[in-house]
Protein backbone atom coordinates (compact mmCIF):
# COMPACT_ATOMS: atom_id res chain seq x y z
CA MET A 1 0.01 0.09 0.02
CA ALA A 2 3.09 2.31 0.28
CA CYS A 3 3.50 5.15 -2.11
CA THR A 4 6.56 5.78 -4.43
CA VAL A 5 8.07 9.11 -5.63
CA ARG A 6 10.66 9.24 -8.41
CA GLN A 7 12.08 11.62 -11.08
CA VAL A 8 10.29 11.09 -14.49
CA ASN A 9 9.99 12.78 -17.72
CA TYR A 10 6.36 14.30 -17.95
CA ARG A 11 5.59 15.39 -21.49
CA GLY A 12 8.86 16.73 -22.08
CA TRP A 13 9.56 18.27 -18.50
CA ASP A 14 11.56 17.08 -15.86
CA ALA A 15 8.97 15.93 -13.11
CA LEU A 16 8.31 14.25 -9.90
CA GLU A 17 5.88 11.40 -9.95
CA LEU A 18 4.07 10.49 -6.88
CA LYS A 19 2.04 7.25 -7.05
CA ASN A 20 0.24 4.64 -5.15
CA ASP A 21 -2.08 1.79 -6.06
CA CYS A 22 -4.93 4.32 -6.64
CA VAL A 23 -3.50 7.40 -8.38
CA SER A 24 -0.55 8.89 -9.91
CA LEU A 25 0.52 12.69 -9.84
CA ALA A 26 3.16 14.48 -11.82
CA ALA A 27 4.71 17.76 -10.32
CA VAL A 28 6.75 20.03 -12.62
CA PRO A 29 8.84 22.66 -10.54
CA ASP A 30 10.06 24.36 -13.78
CA ILE A 31 6.67 25.90 -14.58
CA GLY A 32 5.59 27.72 -11.58
CA GLY A 33 5.67 24.54 -9.51
CA ARG A 34 2.54 23.21 -10.98
CA LEU A 35 0.87 19.71 -10.51
CA MET A 36 0.28 18.82 -14.07
CA ALA A 37 -1.18 15.18 -13.67
CA TYR A 38 -3.69 13.60 -11.25
CA GLN A 39 -5.02 10.43 -12.59
CA LEU A 40 -7.27 7.76 -10.99
CA GLY A 41 -7.11 4.57 -13.13
CA PRO A 42 -7.81 5.46 -16.66
CA TYR A 43 -9.10 8.85 -15.96
CA SER A 44 -6.84 12.06 -16.16
CA PHE A 45 -8.45 14.97 -14.37
CA LEU A 46 -6.16 17.94 -15.09
CA TYR A 47 -6.07 19.98 -18.31
CA ASN A 48 -2.75 20.19 -20.19
CA ASP A 49 -2.31 22.69 -23.08
CA PRO A 50 -0.65 20.27 -25.75
CA THR A 51 0.90 23.18 -27.64
CA LEU A 52 3.01 23.94 -24.50
CA ALA A 53 4.10 20.46 -23.59
CA GLY A 54 7.75 20.39 -22.55
CA LYS A 55 8.29 24.04 -23.32
CA LEU A 56 10.30 26.41 -21.12
CA PHE A 57 10.35 30.11 -21.71
CA THR A 58 12.79 32.85 -20.31
CA PRO A 59 11.12 35.29 -17.87
CA GLU A 60 10.96 37.92 -20.70
CA GLU A 61 8.97 35.51 -22.78
CA ASN A 62 6.74 34.60 -19.92
CA GLN A 63 5.85 38.19 -19.22
CA GLY A 64 5.30 39.20 -22.83
CA ASP A 65 3.30 42.42 -23.12
CA GLY A 66 1.85 41.65 -19.64
CA SER A 67 -1.68 40.93 -20.98
CA LEU A 68 -3.71 37.85 -20.27
CA ALA A 69 -3.41 37.03 -23.94
CA ALA A 70 0.48 36.74 -23.44
CA TRP A 71 0.01 34.21 -20.64
CA LYS A 72 1.55 30.69 -20.86
CA ASN A 73 -1.34 28.73 -19.56
CA TYR A 74 0.11 25.30 -19.18
CA GLY A 75 -2.78 23.91 -17.27
CA GLY A 76 -2.71 21.84 -14.09
CA ASP A 77 -2.79 23.27 -10.59
CA LYS A 78 -0.97 26.29 -9.29
CA THR A 79 -1.06 28.73 -6.53
CA TRP A 80 -1.39 32.48 -6.62
CA PRO A 81 -1.99 35.59 -4.46
CA SER A 82 -5.22 37.24 -4.22
CA PRO A 83 -6.61 39.70 -5.00
CA GLN A 84 -5.93 39.98 -8.56
CA GLY A 85 -5.65 43.50 -10.09
CA TRP A 86 -3.58 46.20 -11.59
CA GLU A 87 -4.42 49.19 -9.74
CA ASN A 88 -1.95 49.24 -6.82
CA GLU A 89 0.61 47.16 -4.94
CA ASP A 90 -1.86 45.48 -2.67
CA GLN A 91 -3.19 43.48 -5.86
CA TRP A 92 -1.45 40.86 -7.96
CA PRO A 93 -1.09 42.00 -11.53
CA GLY A 94 -1.12 38.54 -13.01
CA PRO A 95 -1.15 36.28 -14.70
CA PRO A 96 1.33 36.45 -16.48
CA ASP A 97 3.86 36.53 -13.67
CA PRO A 98 7.37 35.12 -14.58
CA ILE A 99 8.21 34.53 -10.96
CA LEU A 100 5.17 33.26 -9.13
CA ASP A 101 3.19 31.77 -11.98
CA SER A 102 5.80 30.34 -14.29
CA GLY A 103 9.16 30.69 -12.33
CA ARG A 104 11.48 27.80 -11.89
CA TYR A 105 10.59 26.54 -8.37
CA SER A 106 13.29 24.77 -6.38
CA TYR A 107 12.23 21.48 -5.02
CA GLU A 108 12.89 18.39 -2.73
CA ALA A 109 10.86 15.16 -2.42
CA GLY A 110 10.80 12.19 -0.19
CA MET A 111 8.94 9.47 1.66
CA GLU A 112 7.50 9.47 5.37
CA ALA A 113 5.30 7.07 7.09
CA GLY A 114 4.24 5.42 3.77
CA CYS A 115 3.27 8.82 2.15
CA ALA A 116 5.11 10.20 -0.83
CA TRP A 117 5.67 14.18 -0.82
CA VAL A 118 7.09 17.02 -2.78
CA ARG A 119 7.81 20.44 -1.75
CA MET A 120 8.28 23.35 -4.23
CA VAL A 121 9.39 26.98 -3.47
CA SER A 122 9.11 29.90 -5.73
CA PRO A 123 12.05 32.15 -6.71
CA ALA A 124 12.50 35.36 -4.74
CA GLY A 125 11.93 38.82 -6.43
CA SER A 126 8.14 39.05 -6.62
CA SER A 127 6.72 42.54 -6.36
CA THR A 128 4.03 41.05 -4.01
CA GLY A 129 6.84 40.60 -1.37
CA ILE A 130 5.98 36.99 -0.90
CA GLN A 131 7.53 33.51 -1.77
CA ILE A 132 5.35 30.60 -2.35
CA THR A 133 5.73 27.13 -0.90
CA ARG A 134 3.72 24.32 -2.15
CA GLN A 135 3.81 20.81 -0.40
CA LEU A 136 1.88 18.03 -1.88
CA THR A 137 1.56 14.73 0.18
CA LEU A 138 0.07 11.54 -1.35
CA LEU A 139 -1.60 9.13 1.26
CA PRO A 140 -1.25 5.36 0.67
CA ALA A 141 -4.26 3.30 -0.61
CA SER A 142 -6.05 6.47 -1.45
CA THR A 143 -6.70 9.28 -3.59
CA ARG A 144 -6.09 11.81 -1.06
CA VAL A 145 -3.58 14.57 -1.60
CA GLN A 146 -2.85 16.98 1.19
CA ALA A 147 -1.70 20.36 -0.15
CA GLY A 148 -0.05 22.73 2.36
CA LEU A 149 0.17 26.07 0.61
CA SER A 150 2.25 28.65 2.30
CA PHE A 151 3.06 32.40 1.62
CA THR A 152 6.37 33.89 3.34
CA ASN A 153 6.83 37.67 3.48
CA ILE A 154 10.39 38.09 2.35
CA SER A 155 10.19 41.86 1.84
CA HIS A 156 10.77 44.59 4.50
CA ARG A 157 7.14 45.80 4.36
CA ARG A 158 3.99 44.44 5.69
CA VAL A 159 1.63 42.85 3.17
CA ARG A 160 -1.74 41.38 3.04
CA TRP A 161 -2.71 38.44 0.78
CA SER A 162 -5.21 35.72 0.36
CA ILE A 163 -3.60 32.34 -0.64
CA TRP A 164 -5.54 31.32 -3.82
CA ASP A 165 -5.26 27.87 -5.40
CA VAL A 166 -6.40 27.19 -9.11
CA VAL A 167 -7.22 23.89 -10.67
CA GLN A 168 -7.79 23.60 -14.28
CA LEU A 169 -9.91 20.23 -15.01
CA ASP A 170 -10.37 18.74 -18.57
CA SER A 171 -13.74 19.11 -19.67
CA SER A 172 -13.50 17.84 -23.20
CA ARG A 173 -14.83 14.77 -24.97
CA ARG A 174 -13.60 13.38 -28.26
CA ARG A 175 -15.98 13.02 -31.02
CA PRO A 176 -16.10 9.80 -33.35
CA GLU A 177 -14.05 11.55 -35.99
CA GLY A 178 -11.51 12.61 -33.34
CA ARG A 179 -12.18 16.31 -32.88
CA LEU A 180 -12.43 17.60 -29.36
CA GLU A 181 -15.75 19.41 -28.14
CA ALA A 182 -16.96 20.58 -24.54
CA ASP A 183 -18.51 17.50 -22.70
CA PRO A 184 -21.85 18.86 -21.65
CA SER A 185 -22.13 16.36 -18.79
CA CYS A 186 -19.24 18.06 -16.82
CA VAL A 187 -20.27 20.22 -14.02
CA VAL A 188 -18.89 22.00 -11.04
CA THR A 189 -20.78 22.31 -7.76
CA ALA A 190 -20.37 23.95 -4.26
CA ARG A 191 -22.71 24.57 -1.41
CA LEU A 192 -24.72 27.90 -1.45
CA ASN A 193 -24.57 30.17 1.50
CA PRO A 194 -28.34 30.57 2.88
CA HIS A 195 -27.37 34.16 4.03
CA SER A 196 -25.34 35.07 1.14
CA ARG A 197 -24.34 38.68 0.46
CA PHE A 198 -25.07 38.09 -3.25
CA PRO A 199 -28.85 38.15 -4.29
CA ARG A 200 -28.42 34.90 -6.34
CA GLY A 201 -26.07 33.23 -4.09
CA PHE A 202 -23.13 34.06 -6.35
CA THR A 203 -21.78 36.97 -8.15
CA VAL A 204 -20.58 37.27 -11.84
CA MET A 205 -17.03 38.50 -11.85
CA PHE A 206 -16.48 38.14 -15.65
CA GLY A 207 -18.47 37.43 -18.74
CA GLU A 208 -22.35 37.71 -19.35
CA GLU A 209 -24.49 38.35 -16.32
CA ASN A 210 -27.23 36.09 -17.66
CA ASN A 211 -24.66 33.15 -18.75
CA PRO A 212 -26.78 30.12 -18.75
CA GLN A 213 -24.14 28.11 -17.34
CA TRP A 214 -24.55 29.58 -13.94
CA THR A 215 -27.68 27.92 -12.01
CA THR A 216 -28.56 27.08 -8.62
CA ASP A 217 -30.79 24.54 -6.72
CA PRO A 218 -32.29 26.47 -3.87
CA GLU A 219 -33.93 23.22 -2.42
CA CYS A 220 -30.47 21.34 -2.25
CA SER A 221 -28.63 24.58 -1.40
CA LEU A 222 -26.46 23.96 -4.23
CA PHE A 223 -24.61 26.08 -6.90
CA ILE A 224 -24.24 24.34 -10.27
CA GLY A 225 -22.07 25.33 -13.11
CA LYS A 226 -22.57 23.70 -16.23
CA ASN A 227 -20.15 23.17 -19.19
CA LEU A 228 -21.71 24.90 -22.02
CA TRP A 229 -18.42 26.59 -23.36
CA GLU A 230 -19.23 30.10 -22.47
CA ILE A 231 -16.46 32.29 -21.15
CA GLY A 232 -17.13 33.60 -17.71
CA LYS A 233 -16.22 33.61 -13.96
CA VAL A 234 -18.40 33.64 -10.64
CA GLY A 235 -17.51 33.84 -6.97
CA LEU A 236 -19.38 32.42 -4.04
CA ASP A 237 -19.40 33.13 -0.38
CA SER A 238 -19.82 29.40 0.16
CA PRO A 239 -19.50 28.18 3.80
CA GLY A 240 -19.49 24.41 2.83
CA GLY A 241 -15.81 23.81 2.69
CA TRP A 242 -15.80 21.99 -0.53
CA VAL A 243 -15.90 22.25 -4.23
CA ALA A 244 -16.43 19.59 -6.79
CA PHE A 245 -16.07 18.64 -10.51
CA SER A 246 -18.10 15.81 -12.02
CA ASN A 247 -17.70 14.01 -15.38
CA PRO A 248 -20.78 11.71 -15.38
CA SER A 249 -20.16 10.75 -18.92
CA ALA A 250 -16.85 9.17 -17.74
CA GLY A 251 -18.13 8.16 -14.21
CA PHE A 252 -15.57 10.16 -12.20
CA ALA A 253 -15.45 13.02 -9.79
CA PHE A 254 -12.87 15.36 -8.18
CA SER A 255 -13.33 17.44 -4.93
CA GLU A 256 -11.43 19.73 -2.69
CA ARG A 257 -12.05 20.11 0.89
CA PHE A 258 -10.82 23.04 3.00
CA SER A 259 -11.67 25.07 6.08
CA TYR A 260 -13.97 27.82 6.30
CA ASP A 261 -13.76 30.82 8.79
CA PRO A 262 -17.16 32.52 9.06
CA SER A 263 -15.58 35.38 11.11
CA ALA A 264 -12.75 36.15 8.55
CA GLY A 265 -12.43 38.42 5.51
CA TYR A 266 -12.16 37.03 2.03
CA PRO A 267 -11.17 38.61 -1.34
CA ASP A 268 -13.48 39.45 -4.15
CA GLN A 269 -16.39 40.69 -1.97
CA GLY A 270 -15.97 37.81 0.30
CA ALA A 271 -15.61 34.66 -2.10
CA THR A 272 -14.42 31.63 -0.55
CA VAL A 273 -14.62 29.67 -4.05
CA GLU A 274 -14.67 30.78 -7.50
CA PHE A 275 -15.28 29.09 -10.94
CA TRP A 276 -13.93 30.11 -14.30
CA THR A 277 -14.70 28.58 -17.66
CA VAL A 278 -13.44 29.29 -21.26
CA GLY A 279 -15.54 29.28 -24.54
CA LYS A 280 -17.55 31.57 -26.64
CA GLY A 281 -17.62 35.32 -25.69
CA ARG A 282 -14.96 37.91 -24.80
CA VAL A 283 -13.38 39.07 -21.56
CA ALA A 284 -10.68 41.66 -21.73
CA ASN A 285 -8.36 40.51 -24.66
CA LEU A 286 -9.31 36.85 -24.22
CA ASP A 287 -11.05 35.21 -27.14
CA TYR A 288 -11.36 31.35 -27.20
CA GLU A 289 -13.71 31.06 -30.16
CA GLY A 290 -12.26 28.50 -32.49
CA SER A 291 -9.62 27.13 -29.94
CA ASP A 292 -9.49 23.58 -28.81
CA ILE A 293 -9.34 24.53 -25.12
CA TYR A 294 -11.89 22.97 -22.89
CA LEU A 295 -11.56 23.35 -19.23
CA MET A 296 -13.40 24.27 -15.96
CA GLU A 297 -11.49 25.72 -12.98
CA THR A 298 -12.24 25.28 -9.36
CA GLU A 299 -10.59 27.82 -7.16
CA VAL A 300 -10.32 28.04 -3.49
CA LEU A 301 -9.47 31.07 -1.47
CA SER A 302 -8.04 31.43 2.05
CA PRO A 303 -8.93 34.33 4.29
CA PHE A 304 -6.88 37.52 4.01
CA TYR A 305 -3.85 37.10 6.04
CA PRO A 306 -1.60 39.93 7.20
CA PHE A 307 2.18 39.07 6.79
CA GLU A 308 4.89 40.94 8.77
CA PRO A 309 8.46 40.78 7.25
CA GLY A 310 9.68 37.16 7.83
CA GLU A 311 6.24 35.80 8.66
CA THR A 312 4.74 32.59 7.17
CA ARG A 313 0.97 31.75 6.88
CA THR A 314 -0.25 28.32 5.53
CA THR A 315 -3.60 27.12 4.36
CA SER A 316 -4.59 23.35 3.75
CA ILE A 317 -6.66 21.85 1.03
CA GLU A 318 -7.28 18.04 0.51
CA TRP A 319 -7.81 16.68 -2.85
CA GLY A 320 -10.06 13.40 -3.28
CA ALA A 321 -11.38 11.60 -6.44
CA CYS A 322 -13.38 8.63 -6.99
CA ALA A 323 -15.70 6.83 -9.48
CA CYS A 324 -19.20 8.48 -9.19
CA THR A 325 -22.28 7.98 -11.23
CA GLY A 326 -23.67 11.51 -11.36
CA MET A 327 -23.20 15.04 -10.36
CA VAL A 328 -21.63 15.65 -6.84
CA SER A 329 -24.30 17.01 -4.53
CA ASP A 330 -22.15 16.80 -1.43
CA VAL A 331 -18.65 16.08 -0.20
CA THR A 332 -18.14 14.31 3.03
CA PRO A 333 -15.06 13.22 4.96
CA ALA A 334 -15.07 9.69 3.31
CA GLY A 335 -16.16 10.64 -0.24
CA CYS A 336 -18.67 12.26 -2.73
CA VAL A 337 -22.38 11.95 -2.79
CA ALA A 338 -24.20 11.71 -5.99
CA GLU A 339 -27.59 10.48 -4.60
CA PRO A 340 -28.15 11.07 -0.90
CA LEU A 341 -28.85 8.21 1.39
CA ARG A 342 -32.66 7.52 1.48
CA VAL A 343 -34.59 5.16 3.71
CA GLU A 344 -37.77 3.71 2.29
CA PRO A 345 -40.10 1.60 4.42
CA VAL A 346 -41.53 -1.62 3.22
CA VAL A 347 -43.88 -4.09 4.58
CA GLY A 348 -42.81 -6.25 7.53
CA GLY A 349 -41.13 -3.46 9.36
CA LYS A 350 -38.00 -3.50 7.10
CA ILE A 351 -36.53 -0.78 5.04
CA ARG A 352 -34.85 -0.36 1.76
CA LEU A 353 -31.63 1.95 1.44
CA ARG A 354 -31.09 3.94 -1.72
CA GLY A 355 -28.08 6.12 -2.49
CA SER A 356 -24.96 6.62 -4.93
CA PHE A 357 -21.70 7.49 -3.59
CA GLY A 358 -17.90 7.45 -4.48
CA VAL A 359 -15.21 6.85 -1.77
CA PHE A 360 -11.47 8.25 -1.45
CA ASP A 361 -9.89 5.36 0.33
CA ARG A 362 -9.58 1.51 -0.15
CA GLY A 363 -11.30 0.04 2.74
CA GLU A 364 -14.62 -1.34 4.15
CA LEU A 365 -18.05 -0.01 4.32
CA TRP A 366 -19.84 -0.16 7.48
CA LEU A 367 -23.56 0.39 8.33
CA SER A 368 -24.20 1.60 11.86
CA TRP A 369 -27.50 2.06 13.63
CA LYS A 370 -27.68 5.01 15.97
CA ASP A 371 -30.07 5.76 18.79
CA ALA A 372 -31.40 9.19 19.87
CA ALA A 373 -28.31 9.97 21.84
CA GLY A 374 -25.94 9.00 19.03
CA GLY A 375 -24.86 5.78 20.32
CA THR A 376 -24.21 2.71 18.27
CA VAL A 377 -26.92 0.23 18.64
CA GLU A 378 -25.50 -2.26 16.02
CA SER A 379 -23.11 -2.23 13.13
CA SER A 380 -22.00 -4.48 10.41
CA SER A 381 -19.68 -4.63 7.45
CA LEU A 382 -21.14 -4.17 3.81
CA GLY A 383 -17.95 -5.29 2.22
CA PRO A 384 -14.96 -3.65 0.57
CA VAL A 385 -15.03 -0.42 -1.20
CA ASP A 386 -12.31 1.37 -3.27
CA PRO A 387 -12.19 4.64 -5.39
CA LEU A 388 -12.21 2.86 -8.68
CA HIS A 389 -15.73 1.70 -8.19
CA PRO A 390 -18.88 3.56 -7.12
CA VAL A 391 -20.82 2.50 -4.24
CA LEU A 392 -24.33 1.87 -5.19
CA LEU A 393 -26.79 0.78 -2.48
CA ASP A 394 -29.11 -2.15 -3.93
CA ALA A 395 -32.77 -0.73 -3.64
CA ALA A 396 -33.81 -4.34 -3.84
CA ALA A 397 -32.16 -5.34 -0.73
CA GLN A 398 -34.09 -4.96 2.55
CA VAL A 399 -32.79 -4.56 6.21
CA GLN A 400 -34.42 -4.73 9.58
CA ALA A 401 -33.71 -1.92 12.02
CA PRO A 402 -32.89 -2.94 15.40
CA PRO A 403 -35.01 -1.81 18.40
CA GLY A 404 -34.11 1.68 19.69
CA ALA A 405 -32.39 2.78 16.26
CA THR A 406 -33.46 6.34 14.98
CA ALA A 407 -30.78 6.90 12.46
CA ILE A 408 -28.58 5.07 10.01
CA TRP A 409 -24.94 5.79 9.23
CA LEU A 410 -22.46 4.77 6.38
CA ASP A 411 -18.78 4.87 7.21
CA VAL A 412 -15.63 3.95 5.58
CA LYS A 413 -12.71 2.23 7.35
CA ALA A 414 -9.63 2.94 5.57
CA ALA A 415 -7.39 -0.03 4.83
CA SER A 416 -4.18 1.87 5.30
CA SER A 417 -4.72 4.16 8.16
CA LYS A 418 -7.44 2.16 9.94
CA SER A 419 -9.27 5.42 10.53
CA THR A 420 -13.10 5.61 10.05
CA ALA A 421 -14.72 8.65 8.14
CA PRO A 422 -18.45 9.28 7.67
CA LEU A 423 -19.90 8.88 4.16
CA ALA A 424 -23.51 9.53 4.68
CA SER A 425 -26.45 9.43 7.18
CA ALA A 426 -30.20 9.46 7.38
CA SER A 427 -33.05 9.49 10.03
CA LEU A 428 -35.44 6.39 10.20
């Protein structure tokens, strides 16, 4: 079950491969410390621009004329400072940015307690005053990747930034004749804030205000971003602590879990998560019409942190991926929920359980009956589970609730850590 880490060639770049029996990752320090591959079984989640594969540029080439159109958008996952802007030194005027976004990061990698890790550090010299450290740790027998993202103030002045992590996810499909197109089944989701400062639960930051991609399901308190290949960006003051990307046509899902601080200030009018899509339409000097670029971004922002000279602040995000039969409606500590756990009574005092899930760890699924005080009345194993196979409860199966039970819980006991995490629950 142990992980491995080794140096490899990834699409022409020198890279670090982190791998276990579930997923493989490729980190490329020379292009902004990006993670360029995250693959579960046969499915690759991250977008890569094939026209930039293996290419390196000088700082002057990376900067170009300073416009967004000059940006070398390799793809993958990277970390930036927020807020973004071009008005004063308290805003990050990128991308492009030849230091933080596309600089050649130093790195080290190793193994610890069965986990594989890589640490990448940005060059000095950014006008923001900060240096970025990205530490990615892959857990054994799991799709979990723990990202520790740090900013250090290496300037002589006090600065204030949010730590902003951006993941570009491949949302394409290939037509029978070989041409790529947007996969309309792909979707991004996050929890809506019932007390949002935004009238619709989100704010349009770029693109058309009435972009048909941006929808909500108030009954489920869910934001839903569809993949209609329209250019645009939205921000949400989501309190849920998760974002997800689903590709139901392929049967896989990706998620990020993070901490939310309701008392803290966040950038972009209080946004904790943001979504960006490319496609038809124009924003500034960006025009993707006629391109073969199909991606959806999930963006997670930390609270604003003040940094005194020499001070370091860190935020943590945990990735998880799994086979999943539909759009992710919730993310729990054990996995993703496509269809919530439902209890249906049948004759004879028995009940049927329905639901569809994906799990992040190889392990065992447990069913527990709980009493009104939360105590366990009875529990039993439902068998092995793993991230490469969805968990589908058999609606035809019937179970008998024990006396005193008022709720039912599904938990996953991880094979590697032996720890137990909740997947779903429902009242009887």
